[in-house]
Amino acid sequence: MSSDALAMALRRPAGRVVGAKQSLRELRLGRVAAVFVARDAEPEVVDDVVRVAGERGVPIRYLDTKANLGRACGIQVSAACAAVLADPNAGSPERQADRQP
């Protein structure tokens, strides 16, 4: 996936998850195309995400601040990390239930 495509996927709620817990869950399920991490995030929050992404060969991209990552995701709050899903239609059952009409 190109950098532009990843940036666009970050803005689509169905194409990404935001936060360390959600990112780690999707990484462990093998559903992540790329991980974005804020350089100013607390290491204890993002270390597991970075480690698992490295183990699985998932690209890691860094943004300068949590505020910038939150803006890149199109949310009103800061974010320590976010993950772009490889297949936005194959999310967890909770995410699929959210998309039901």
Foldseek 3Di string as FASTA:
>chain_A
DDPVVVLVLLQDPLFKDFFQVQLLVCLVVVFFQAKEFAPPDDCVRCVSNVVSCVVVVHHYHYDHHQCVSCVSNVHPDGTGMMTGTPDSCPDDPVSVVVPDD
